[in-house]
Amino acid sequence: MSDVVVISDREFESEVLQSEQPVIAYFWASWCGPCKLVSPTVEGIAKEYGDRVKVVKLEVDPNPEAVAQCKVEGVPALRLFKGGEIMASHEGAIGKQALQAWLERNLS
């Protein structure tokens, strides 16, 4: 069981790009309504899939480097990394079942 790790541009390379296990990077903003709906789902995924994937959370406004590197154009946004590479992307609100399906499809 894992929790979402809050990171910044400074930790992005060590926590995401150099991670041994797959990483979901969740990009959000405090002013984003859909982010408030997606956040509990992402936290649930971190607990449910903690043995298979690490989940990190970055607020977009104070972390422009990671936002640019991941080509985030809207929030909420998800990026799945394996071996330092983006394997899958999703932008916009997503429900729990759709997020689970996206993750299963891309983790296998």
PDB file of N, CA and C in Angstrom:
ATOM      1  N   MET A   1       0.840  -1.183   0.000  1.00  0.00           N
ATOM      2  CA  MET A   1       0.000   0.000   0.000  1.00  0.00           C
ATOM      3  C   MET A   1       0.883   1.243   0.000  1.00  0.00           C
ATOM      4  N   SER A   2       0.593   2.167  -0.890  1.00  0.00           N
ATOM      5  CA  SER A   2       1.407   3.370  -1.028  1.00  0.00           C
ATOM      6  C   SER A   2       0.532   4.611  -1.009  1.00  0.00           C
ATOM      7  N   ASP A   3       1.194   5.715  -0.768  1.00  0.00           N
ATOM      8  CA  ASP A   3       0.523   6.996  -0.835  1.00  0.00           C
ATOM      9  C   ASP A   3       1.076   7.772  -2.017  1.00  0.00           C
ATOM     10  N   VAL A   4       0.351   8.791  -2.412  1.00  0.00           N
ATOM     11  CA  VAL A   4       0.815   9.687  -3.461  1.00  0.00           C
ATOM     12  C   VAL A   4       1.963  10.516  -2.883  1.00  0.00           C
ATOM     13  N   VAL A   5       3.063  10.614  -3.628  1.00  0.00           N
ATOM     14  CA  VAL A   5       4.221  11.398  -3.209  1.00  0.00           C
ATOM     15  C   VAL A   5       4.157  12.746  -3.914  1.00  0.00           C
ATOM     16  N   VAL A   6       4.137  13.826  -3.146  1.00  0.00           N
ATOM     17  CA  VAL A   6       4.119  15.176  -3.722  1.00  0.00           C
ATOM     18  C   VAL A   6       5.555  15.566  -4.036  1.00  0.00           C
ATOM     19  N   ILE A   7       5.812  15.902  -5.307  1.00  0.00           N
ATOM     20  CA  ILE A   7       7.162  16.270  -5.716  1.00  0.00           C
ATOM     21  C   ILE A   7       7.145  17.605  -6.458  1.00  0.00           C
ATOM     22  N   SER A   8       8.351  18.094  -6.755  1.00  0.00           N
ATOM     23  CA  SER A   8       8.506  19.334  -7.513  1.00  0.00           C
ATOM     24  C   SER A   8       9.471  19.070  -8.663  1.00  0.00           C
ATOM     25  N   ASP A   9       9.723  20.098  -9.469  1.00  0.00           N
ATOM     26  CA  ASP A   9      10.705  19.988 -10.552  1.00  0.00           C
ATOM     27  C   ASP A   9      12.021  19.402 -10.051  1.00  0.00           C
ATOM     28  N   ARG A  10      12.423  19.816  -8.849  1.00  0.00           N
ATOM     29  CA  ARG A  10      13.713  19.398  -8.288  1.00  0.00           C
ATOM     30  C   ARG A  10      13.815  17.884  -8.127  1.00  0.00           C
ATOM     31  N   GLU A  11      12.719  17.228  -7.735  1.00  0.00           N
ATOM     32  CA  GLU A  11      12.744  15.771  -7.514  1.00  0.00           C
ATOM     33  C   GLU A  11      12.299  14.965  -8.730  1.00  0.00           C
ATOM     34  N   PHE A  12      11.874  15.645  -9.791  1.00  0.00           N
ATOM     35  CA  PHE A  12      11.280  14.938 -10.926  1.00  0.00           C
ATOM     36  C   PHE A  12      12.213  13.873 -11.512  1.00  0.00           C
ATOM     37  N   GLU A  13      13.459  14.226 -11.725  1.00  0.00           N
ATOM     38  CA  GLU A  13      14.386  13.254 -12.320  1.00  0.00           C
ATOM     39  C   GLU A  13      14.583  12.040 -11.421  1.00  0.00           C
ATOM     40  N   SER A  14      14.862  12.257 -10.137  1.00  0.00           N
ATOM     41  CA  SER A  14      15.125  11.131  -9.236  1.00  0.00           C
ATOM     42  C   SER A  14      13.873  10.306  -8.944  1.00  0.00           C
ATOM     43  N   GLU A  15      12.726  10.958  -8.772  1.00  0.00           N
ATOM     44  CA  GLU A  15      11.505  10.238  -8.401  1.00  0.00           C
ATOM     45  C   GLU A  15      10.785   9.593  -9.588  1.00  0.00           C
ATOM     46  N   VAL A  16      10.934  10.182 -10.768  1.00  0.00           N
ATOM     47  CA  VAL A  16      10.187   9.696 -11.942  1.00  0.00           C
ATOM     48  C   VAL A  16      11.120   9.070 -12.972  1.00  0.00           C
ATOM     49  N   LEU A  17      12.037   9.852 -13.501  1.00  0.00           N
ATOM     50  CA  LEU A  17      12.859   9.385 -14.614  1.00  0.00           C
ATOM     51  C   LEU A  17      13.828   8.273 -14.216  1.00  0.00           C
ATOM     52  N   GLN A  18      14.303   8.291 -12.977  1.00  0.00           N
ATOM     53  CA  GLN A  18      15.251   7.264 -12.540  1.00  0.00           C
ATOM     54  C   GLN A  18      14.598   6.145 -11.728  1.00  0.00           C
ATOM     55  N   SER A  19      13.285   6.134 -11.642  1.00  0.00           N
ATOM     56  CA  SER A  19      12.589   5.118 -10.849  1.00  0.00           C
ATOM     57  C   SER A  19      12.727   3.736 -11.482  1.00  0.00           C
ATOM     58  N   GLU A  20      12.929   2.742 -10.621  1.00  0.00           N
ATOM     59  CA  GLU A  20      13.025   1.346 -11.085  1.00  0.00           C
ATOM     60  C   GLU A  20      11.649   0.823 -11.488  1.00  0.00           C
ATOM     61  N   GLN A  21      10.602   1.302 -10.821  1.00  0.00           N
ATOM     62  CA  GLN A  21       9.255   0.820 -11.123  1.00  0.00           C
ATOM     63  C   GLN A  21       8.498   1.856 -11.959  1.00  0.00           C
ATOM     64  N   PRO A  22       7.414   1.429 -12.618  1.00  0.00           N
ATOM     65  CA  PRO A  22       6.602   2.394 -13.368  1.00  0.00           C
ATOM     66  C   PRO A  22       6.094   3.502 -12.443  1.00  0.00           C
ATOM     67  N   VAL A  23       5.918   4.697 -13.008  1.00  0.00           N
ATOM     68  CA  VAL A  23       5.474   5.861 -12.234  1.00  0.00           C
ATOM     69  C   VAL A  23       4.321   6.545 -12.958  1.00  0.00           C
ATOM     70  N   ILE A  24       3.267   6.859 -12.205  1.00  0.00           N
ATOM     71  CA  ILE A  24       2.202   7.728 -12.718  1.00  0.00           C
ATOM     72  C   ILE A  24       2.497   9.122 -12.174  1.00  0.00           C
ATOM     73  N   ALA A  25       2.678  10.078 -13.075  1.00  0.00           N
ATOM     74  CA  ALA A  25       2.825  11.476 -12.676  1.00  0.00           C
ATOM     75  C   ALA A  25       1.468  12.142 -12.889  1.00  0.00           C
ATOM     76  N   TYR A  26       0.914  12.657 -11.806  1.00  0.00           N
ATOM     77  CA  TYR A  26      -0.399  13.316 -11.833  1.00  0.00           C
ATOM     78  C   TYR A  26      -0.176  14.818 -11.735  1.00  0.00           C
ATOM     79  N   PHE A  27      -0.555  15.533 -12.775  1.00  0.00           N
ATOM     80  CA  PHE A  27      -0.407  16.987 -12.825  1.00  0.00           C
ATOM     81  C   PHE A  27      -1.748  17.633 -12.497  1.00  0.00           C
ATOM     82  N   TRP A  28      -1.736  18.598 -11.591  1.00  0.00           N
ATOM     83  CA  TRP A  28      -2.976  19.216 -11.124  1.00  0.00           C
ATOM     84  C   TRP A  28      -2.732  20.698 -10.821  1.00  0.00           C
ATOM     85  N   ALA A  29      -3.819  21.398 -10.523  1.00  0.00           N
ATOM     86  CA  ALA A  29      -3.735  22.810 -10.130  1.00  0.00           C
ATOM     87  C   ALA A  29      -4.806  23.088  -9.081  1.00  0.00           C
ATOM     88  N   SER A  30      -4.490  23.981  -8.153  1.00  0.00           N
ATOM     89  CA  SER A  30      -5.428  24.301  -7.072  1.00  0.00           C
ATOM     90  C   SER A  30      -6.693  24.978  -7.599  1.00  0.00           C
ATOM     91  N   TRP A  31      -6.593  25.670  -8.739  1.00  0.00           N
ATOM     92  CA  TRP A  31      -7.731  26.388  -9.323  1.00  0.00           C
ATOM     93  C   TRP A  31      -8.561  25.503 -10.259  1.00  0.00           C
ATOM     94  N   CYS A  32      -8.194  24.244 -10.412  1.00  0.00           N
ATOM     95  CA  CYS A  32      -8.821  23.336 -11.380  1.00  0.00           C
ATOM     96  C   CYS A  32      -9.936  22.510 -10.733  1.00  0.00           C
ATOM     97  N   GLY A  33     -11.174  22.782 -11.143  1.00  0.00           N
ATOM     98  CA  GLY A  33     -12.324  22.036 -10.613  1.00  0.00           C
ATOM     99  C   GLY A  33     -12.247  20.540 -10.866  1.00  0.00           C
ATOM    100  N   PRO A  34     -12.016  20.098 -12.108  1.00  0.00           N
ATOM    101  CA  PRO A  34     -11.929  18.657 -12.372  1.00  0.00           C
ATOM    102  C   PRO A  34     -10.810  17.967 -11.570  1.00  0.00           C
ATOM    103  N   CYS A  35      -9.739  18.701 -11.249  1.00  0.00           N
ATOM    104  CA  CYS A  35      -8.653  18.120 -10.449  1.00  0.00           C
ATOM    105  C   CYS A  35      -9.163  17.701  -9.069  1.00  0.00           C
ATOM    106  N   LYS A  36     -10.075  18.496  -8.511  1.00  0.00           N
ATOM    107  CA  LYS A  36     -10.640  18.175  -7.196  1.00  0.00           C
ATOM    108  C   LYS A  36     -11.433  16.875  -7.250  1.00  0.00           C
ATOM    109  N   LEU A  37     -12.023  16.559  -8.412  1.00  0.00           N
ATOM    110  CA  LEU A  37     -12.759  15.314  -8.577  1.00  0.00           C
ATOM    111  C   LEU A  37     -11.830  14.129  -8.812  1.00  0.00           C
ATOM    112  N   VAL A  38     -10.738  14.359  -9.521  1.00  0.00           N
ATOM    113  CA  VAL A  38      -9.822  13.277  -9.893  1.00  0.00           C
ATOM    114  C   VAL A  38      -8.866  12.908  -8.752  1.00  0.00           C
ATOM    115  N   SER A  39      -8.490  13.871  -7.919  1.00  0.00           N
ATOM    116  CA  SER A  39      -7.498  13.623  -6.860  1.00  0.00           C
ATOM    117  C   SER A  39      -7.820  12.414  -5.973  1.00  0.00           C
ATOM    118  N   PRO A  40      -9.058  12.262  -5.462  1.00  0.00           N
ATOM    119  CA  PRO A  40      -9.343  11.085  -4.624  1.00  0.00           C
ATOM    120  C   PRO A  40      -9.188   9.768  -5.404  1.00  0.00           C
ATOM    121  N   THR A  41      -9.502   9.793  -6.691  1.00  0.00           N
ATOM    122  CA  THR A  41      -9.347   8.589  -7.525  1.00  0.00           C
ATOM    123  C   THR A  41      -7.877   8.231  -7.657  1.00  0.00           C
ATOM    124  N   VAL A  42      -7.032   9.237  -7.886  1.00  0.00           N
ATOM    125  CA  VAL A  42      -5.587   9.008  -8.012  1.00  0.00           C
ATOM    126  C   VAL A  42      -5.030   8.477  -6.687  1.00  0.00           C
ATOM    127  N   GLU A  43      -5.485   9.030  -5.575  1.00  0.00           N
ATOM    128  CA  GLU A  43      -5.032   8.550  -4.263  1.00  0.00           C
ATOM    129  C   GLU A  43      -5.450   7.102  -4.036  1.00  0.00           C
ATOM    130  N   GLY A  44      -6.661   6.746  -4.471  1.00  0.00           N
ATOM    131  CA  GLY A  44      -7.123   5.365  -4.365  1.00  0.00           C
ATOM    132  C   GLY A  44      -6.281   4.415  -5.207  1.00  0.00           C
ATOM    133  N   ILE A  45      -5.925   4.859  -6.405  1.00  0.00           N
ATOM    134  CA  ILE A  45      -5.070   4.053  -7.293  1.00  0.00           C
ATOM    135  C   ILE A  45      -3.701   3.836  -6.654  1.00  0.00           C
ATOM    136  N   ALA A  46      -3.159   4.867  -6.003  1.00  0.00           N
ATOM    137  CA  ALA A  46      -1.851   4.737  -5.343  1.00  0.00           C
ATOM    138  C   ALA A  46      -1.893   3.644  -4.282  1.00  0.00           C
ATOM    139  N   LYS A  47      -2.992   3.571  -3.531  1.00  0.00           N
ATOM    140  CA  LYS A  47      -3.123   2.549  -2.496  1.00  0.00           C
ATOM    141  C   LYS A  47      -3.349   1.165  -3.121  1.00  0.00           C
ATOM    142  N   GLU A  48      -4.213   1.112  -4.125  1.00  0.00           N
ATOM    143  CA  GLU A  48      -4.585  -0.165  -4.748  1.00  0.00           C
ATOM    144  C   GLU A  48      -3.451  -0.780  -5.573  1.00  0.00           C
ATOM    145  N   TYR A  49      -2.701   0.050  -6.272  1.00  0.00           N
ATOM    146  CA  TYR A  49      -1.648  -0.433  -7.179  1.00  0.00           C
ATOM    147  C   TYR A  49      -0.245  -0.148  -6.646  1.00  0.00           C
ATOM    148  N   GLY A  50      -0.123   0.205  -5.377  1.00  0.00           N
ATOM    149  CA  GLY A  50       1.158   0.603  -4.801  1.00  0.00           C
ATOM    150  C   GLY A  50       2.271  -0.408  -4.949  1.00  0.00           C
ATOM    151  N   ASP A  51       1.922  -1.684  -5.085  1.00  0.00           N
ATOM    152  CA  ASP A  51       2.947  -2.710  -5.264  1.00  0.00           C
ATOM    153  C   ASP A  51       3.449  -2.771  -6.704  1.00  0.00           C
ATOM    154  N   ARG A  52       2.716  -2.152  -7.637  1.00  0.00           N
ATOM    155  CA  ARG A  52       3.070  -2.225  -9.059  1.00  0.00           C
ATOM    156  C   ARG A  52       3.500  -0.905  -9.674  1.00  0.00           C
ATOM    157  N   VAL A  53       3.093   0.207  -9.059  1.00  0.00           N
ATOM    158  CA  VAL A  53       3.373   1.517  -9.649  1.00  0.00           C
ATOM    159  C   VAL A  53       3.505   2.566  -8.546  1.00  0.00           C
ATOM    160  N   LYS A  54       4.411   3.511  -8.750  1.00  0.00           N
ATOM    161  CA  LYS A  54       4.558   4.643  -7.827  1.00  0.00           C
ATOM    162  C   LYS A  54       3.726   5.795  -8.392  1.00  0.00           C
ATOM    163  N   VAL A  55       3.045   6.532  -7.521  1.00  0.00           N
ATOM    164  CA  VAL A  55       2.238   7.666  -7.959  1.00  0.00           C
ATOM    165  C   VAL A  55       2.805   8.945  -7.353  1.00  0.00           C
ATOM    166  N   VAL A  56       3.116   9.902  -8.228  1.00  0.00           N
ATOM    167  CA  VAL A  56       3.602  11.207  -7.778  1.00  0.00           C
ATOM    168  C   VAL A  56       2.645  12.286  -8.265  1.00  0.00           C
ATOM    169  N   LYS A  57       2.651  13.386  -7.555  1.00  0.00           N
ATOM    170  CA  LYS A  57       1.713  14.482  -7.825  1.00  0.00           C
ATOM    171  C   LYS A  57       2.505  15.773  -7.942  1.00  0.00           C
ATOM    172  N   LEU A  58       2.268  16.519  -9.018  1.00  0.00           N
ATOM    173  CA  LEU A  58       2.943  17.800  -9.215  1.00  0.00           C
ATOM    174  C   LEU A  58       1.916  18.878  -9.502  1.00  0.00           C
ATOM    175  N   GLU A  59       2.019  19.972  -8.776  1.00  0.00           N
ATOM    176  CA  GLU A  59       1.169  21.125  -9.075  1.00  0.00           C
ATOM    177  C   GLU A  59       1.801  21.845 -10.266  1.00  0.00           C
ATOM    178  N   VAL A  60       1.000  22.170 -11.279  1.00  0.00           N
ATOM    179  CA  VAL A  60       1.560  22.677 -12.535  1.00  0.00           C
ATOM    180  C   VAL A  60       2.211  24.059 -12.414  1.00  0.00           C
ATOM    181  N   ASP A  61       1.592  24.983 -11.725  1.00  0.00           N
ATOM    182  CA  ASP A  61       2.096  26.363 -11.703  1.00  0.00           C
ATOM    183  C   ASP A  61       3.514  26.497 -11.147  1.00  0.00           C
ATOM    184  N   PRO A  62       3.859  25.864 -10.013  1.00  0.00           N
ATOM    185  CA  PRO A  62       5.225  26.015  -9.512  1.00  0.00           C
ATOM    186  C   PRO A  62       6.251  25.064 -10.141  1.00  0.00           C
ATOM    187  N   ASN A  63       5.833  24.214 -11.083  1.00  0.00           N
ATOM    188  CA  ASN A  63       6.734  23.206 -11.652  1.00  0.00           C
ATOM    189  C   ASN A  63       6.746  23.236 -13.185  1.00  0.00           C
ATOM    190  N   PRO A  64       7.153  24.365 -13.777  1.00  0.00           N
ATOM    191  CA  PRO A  64       7.077  24.501 -15.232  1.00  0.00           C
ATOM    192  C   PRO A  64       8.005  23.566 -16.009  1.00  0.00           C
ATOM    193  N   GLU A  65       9.113  23.140 -15.396  1.00  0.00           N
ATOM    194  CA  GLU A  65      10.043  22.264 -16.118  1.00  0.00           C
ATOM    195  C   GLU A  65       9.421  20.896 -16.404  1.00  0.00           C
ATOM    196  N   ALA A  66       8.844  20.286 -15.377  1.00  0.00           N
ATOM    197  CA  ALA A  66       8.206  18.973 -15.561  1.00  0.00           C
ATOM    198  C   ALA A  66       7.005  19.089 -16.494  1.00  0.00           C
ATOM    199  N   VAL A  67       6.252  20.179 -16.366  1.00  0.00           N
ATOM    200  CA  VAL A  67       5.089  20.411 -17.233  1.00  0.00           C
ATOM    201  C   VAL A  67       5.535  20.462 -18.698  1.00  0.00           C
ATOM    202  N   ALA A  68       6.604  21.200 -18.972  1.00  0.00           N
ATOM    203  CA  ALA A  68       7.112  21.312 -20.345  1.00  0.00           C
ATOM    204  C   ALA A  68       7.674  19.981 -20.832  1.00  0.00           C
ATOM    205  N   GLN A  69       8.430  19.316 -19.985  1.00  0.00           N
ATOM    206  CA  GLN A  69       9.042  18.041 -20.361  1.00  0.00           C
ATOM    207  C   GLN A  69       7.988  16.991 -20.701  1.00  0.00           C
ATOM    208  N   CYS A  70       6.865  17.017 -19.981  1.00  0.00           N
ATOM    209  CA  CYS A  70       5.798  16.031 -20.191  1.00  0.00           C
ATOM    210  C   CYS A  70       4.730  16.521 -21.162  1.00  0.00           C
ATOM    211  N   LYS A  71       4.939  17.713 -21.732  1.00  0.00           N
ATOM    212  CA  LYS A  71       4.009  18.303 -22.686  1.00  0.00           C
ATOM    213  C   LYS A  71       2.573  18.344 -22.160  1.00  0.00           C
ATOM    214  N   VAL A  72       2.437  18.785 -20.915  1.00  0.00           N
ATOM    215  CA  VAL A  72       1.113  18.914 -20.299  1.00  0.00           C
ATOM    216  C   VAL A  72       0.458  20.170 -20.851  1.00  0.00           C
ATOM    217  N   GLU A  73      -0.706  20.002 -21.466  1.00  0.00           N
ATOM    218  CA  GLU A  73      -1.423  21.139 -22.047  1.00  0.00           C
ATOM    219  C   GLU A  73      -2.677  21.501 -21.274  1.00  0.00           C
ATOM    220  N   GLY A  74      -3.150  20.600 -20.439  1.00  0.00           N
ATOM    221  CA  GLY A  74      -4.339  20.857 -19.642  1.00  0.00           C
ATOM    222  C   GLY A  74      -4.307  19.991 -18.401  1.00  0.00           C
ATOM    223  N   VAL A  75      -5.053  20.396 -17.396  1.00  0.00           N
ATOM    224  CA  VAL A  75      -5.118  19.611 -16.162  1.00  0.00           C
ATOM    225  C   VAL A  75      -6.566  19.238 -15.870  1.00  0.00           C
ATOM    226  N   PRO A  76      -6.775  18.128 -15.187  1.00  0.00           N
ATOM    227  CA  PRO A  76      -5.782  17.182 -14.699  1.00  0.00           C
ATOM    228  C   PRO A  76      -5.133  16.405 -15.856  1.00  0.00           C
ATOM    229  N   ALA A  77      -3.890  15.991 -15.627  1.00  0.00           N
ATOM    230  CA  ALA A  77      -3.163  15.217 -16.633  1.00  0.00           C
ATOM    231  C   ALA A  77      -2.415  14.084 -15.953  1.00  0.00           C
ATOM    232  N   LEU A  78      -2.329  12.966 -16.645  1.00  0.00           N
ATOM    233  CA  LEU A  78      -1.597  11.801 -16.154  1.00  0.00           C
ATOM    234  C   LEU A  78      -0.561  11.400 -17.186  1.00  0.00           C
ATOM    235  N   ARG A  79       0.617  11.021 -16.705  1.00  0.00           N
ATOM    236  CA  ARG A  79       1.669  10.479 -17.561  1.00  0.00           C
ATOM    237  C   ARG A  79       2.176   9.214 -16.888  1.00  0.00           C
ATOM    238  N   LEU A  80       2.217   8.125 -17.639  1.00  0.00           N
ATOM    239  CA  LEU A  80       2.752   6.878 -17.117  1.00  0.00           C
ATOM    240  C   LEU A  80       4.158   6.697 -17.671  1.00  0.00           C
ATOM    241  N   PHE A  81       5.127   6.597 -16.781  1.00  0.00           N
ATOM    242  CA  PHE A  81       6.531   6.424 -17.150  1.00  0.00           C
ATOM    243  C   PHE A  81       6.986   5.005 -16.857  1.00  0.00           C
ATOM    244  N   LYS A  82       7.760   4.451 -17.786  1.00  0.00           N
ATOM    245  CA  LYS A  82       8.478   3.195 -17.554  1.00  0.00           C
ATOM    246  C   LYS A  82       9.878   3.414 -18.079  1.00  0.00           C
ATOM    247  N   GLY A  83      10.872   3.142 -17.257  1.00  0.00           N
ATOM    248  CA  GLY A  83      12.258   3.313 -17.670  1.00  0.00           C
ATOM    249  C   GLY A  83      12.595   4.724 -18.114  1.00  0.00           C
ATOM    250  N   GLY A  84      11.967   5.712 -17.476  1.00  0.00           N
ATOM    251  CA  GLY A  84      12.254   7.104 -17.782  1.00  0.00           C
ATOM    252  C   GLY A  84      11.567   7.649 -19.025  1.00  0.00           C
ATOM    253  N   GLU A  85      10.754   6.821 -19.672  1.00  0.00           N
ATOM    254  CA  GLU A  85      10.053   7.242 -20.892  1.00  0.00           C
ATOM    255  C   GLU A  85       8.544   7.308 -20.643  1.00  0.00           C
ATOM    256  N   ILE A  86       7.875   8.246 -21.302  1.00  0.00           N
ATOM    257  CA  ILE A  86       6.412   8.317 -21.218  1.00  0.00           C
ATOM    258  C   ILE A  86       5.834   7.187 -22.071  1.00  0.00           C
ATOM    259  N   MET A  87       5.086   6.296 -21.424  1.00  0.00           N
ATOM    260  CA  MET A  87       4.471   5.161 -22.116  1.00  0.00           C
ATOM    261  C   MET A  87       3.004   5.426 -22.464  1.00  0.00           C
ATOM    262  N   ALA A  88       2.357   6.285 -21.677  1.00  0.00           N
ATOM    263  CA  ALA A  88       0.946   6.585 -21.912  1.00  0.00           C
ATOM    264  C   ALA A  88       0.622   7.944 -21.305  1.00  0.00           C
ATOM    265  N   SER A  89      -0.365   8.615 -21.905  1.00  0.00           N
ATOM    266  CA  SER A  89      -0.792   9.934 -21.443  1.00  0.00           C
ATOM    267  C   SER A  89      -2.306   9.998 -21.390  1.00  0.00           C
ATOM    268  N   HIS A  90      -2.802  10.813 -20.475  1.00  0.00           N
ATOM    269  CA  HIS A  90      -4.242  11.102 -20.433  1.00  0.00           C
ATOM    270  C   HIS A  90      -4.389  12.530 -19.915  1.00  0.00           C
ATOM    271  N   GLU A  91      -5.243  13.302 -20.573  1.00  0.00           N
ATOM    272  CA  GLU A  91      -5.557  14.648 -20.079  1.00  0.00           C
ATOM    273  C   GLU A  91      -7.059  14.761 -19.915  1.00  0.00           C
ATOM    274  N   GLY A  92      -7.465  15.440 -18.867  1.00  0.00           N
ATOM    275  CA  GLY A  92      -8.882  15.620 -18.574  1.00  0.00           C
ATOM    276  C   GLY A  92      -9.323  14.733 -17.428  1.00  0.00           C
ATOM    277  N   ALA A  93     -10.528  14.987 -16.955  1.00  0.00           N
ATOM    278  CA  ALA A  93     -11.072  14.207 -15.843  1.00  0.00           C
ATOM    279  C   ALA A  93     -11.220  12.750 -16.265  1.00  0.00           C
ATOM    280  N   ILE A  94     -11.036  11.859 -15.302  1.00  0.00           N
ATOM    281  CA  ILE A  94     -11.157  10.426 -15.562  1.00  0.00           C
ATOM    282  C   ILE A  94     -11.718   9.767 -14.310  1.00  0.00           C
ATOM    283  N   GLY A  95     -12.662   8.861 -14.504  1.00  0.00           N
ATOM    284  CA  GLY A  95     -13.269   8.145 -13.389  1.00  0.00           C
ATOM    285  C   GLY A  95     -12.411   6.957 -12.978  1.00  0.00           C
ATOM    286  N   LYS A  96     -12.769   6.357 -11.848  1.00  0.00           N
ATOM    287  CA  LYS A  96     -11.961   5.263 -11.303  1.00  0.00           C
ATOM    288  C   LYS A  96     -11.879   4.082 -12.262  1.00  0.00           C
ATOM    289  N   GLN A  97     -13.014   3.645 -12.812  1.00  0.00           N
ATOM    290  CA  GLN A  97     -12.991   2.473 -13.704  1.00  0.00           C
ATOM    291  C   GLN A  97     -12.174   2.754 -14.960  1.00  0.00           C
ATOM    292  N   ALA A  98     -12.315   3.934 -15.522  1.00  0.00           N
ATOM    293  CA  ALA A  98     -11.553   4.289 -16.721  1.00  0.00           C
ATOM    294  C   ALA A  98     -10.060   4.387 -16.397  1.00  0.00           C
ATOM    295  N   LEU A  99      -9.728   4.922 -15.229  1.00  0.00           N
ATOM    296  CA  LEU A  99      -8.324   5.018 -14.830  1.00  0.00           C
ATOM    297  C   LEU A  99      -7.729   3.628 -14.610  1.00  0.00           C
ATOM    298  N   GLN A 100      -8.489   2.748 -13.968  1.00  0.00           N
ATOM    299  CA  GLN A 100      -8.015   1.380 -13.766  1.00  0.00           C
ATOM    300  C   GLN A 100      -7.784   0.685 -15.109  1.00  0.00           C
ATOM    301  N   ALA A 101      -8.711   0.843 -16.035  1.00  0.00           N
ATOM    302  CA  ALA A 101      -8.579   0.223 -17.361  1.00  0.00           C
ATOM    303  C   ALA A 101      -7.364   0.784 -18.097  1.00  0.00           C
ATOM    304  N   TRP A 102      -7.163   2.095 -18.031  1.00  0.00           N
ATOM    305  CA  TRP A 102      -6.005   2.748 -18.664  1.00  0.00           C
ATOM    306  C   TRP A 102      -4.706   2.204 -18.084  1.00  0.00           C
ATOM    307  N   LEU A 103      -4.691   2.066 -16.776  1.00  0.00           N
ATOM    308  CA  LEU A 103      -3.496   1.569 -16.095  1.00  0.00           C
ATOM    309  C   LEU A 103      -3.226   0.101 -16.429  1.00  0.00           C
ATOM    310  N   GLU A 104      -4.245  -0.727 -16.362  1.00  0.00           N
ATOM    311  CA  GLU A 104      -4.080  -2.156 -16.687  1.00  0.00           C
ATOM    312  C   GLU A 104      -3.590  -2.333 -18.123  1.00  0.00           C
ATOM    313  N   ARG A 105      -4.170  -1.584 -19.028  1.00  0.00           N
ATOM    314  CA  ARG A 105      -3.805  -1.662 -20.459  1.00  0.00           C
ATOM    315  C   ARG A 105      -2.331  -1.304 -20.655  1.00  0.00           C
ATOM    316  N   ASN A 106      -1.860  -0.330 -19.891  1.00  0.00           N
ATOM    317  CA  ASN A 106      -0.511   0.180 -20.108  1.00  0.00           C
ATOM    318  C   ASN A 106       0.554  -0.437 -19.197  1.00  0.00           C
ATOM    319  N   LEU A 107       0.144  -1.132 -18.146  1.00  0.00           N
ATOM    320  CA  LEU A 107       1.113  -1.775 -17.275  1.00  0.00           C
ATOM    321  C   LEU A 107       1.485  -3.168 -17.769  1.00  0.00           C
ATOM    322  N   SER A 108       0.584  -3.794 -18.530  1.00  0.00           N
ATOM    323  CA  SER A 108       0.846  -5.175 -18.957  1.00  0.00           C
ATOM    324  C   SER A 108       1.706  -5.263 -20.185  1.00  0.00           C
TER     325      SER A 108
END
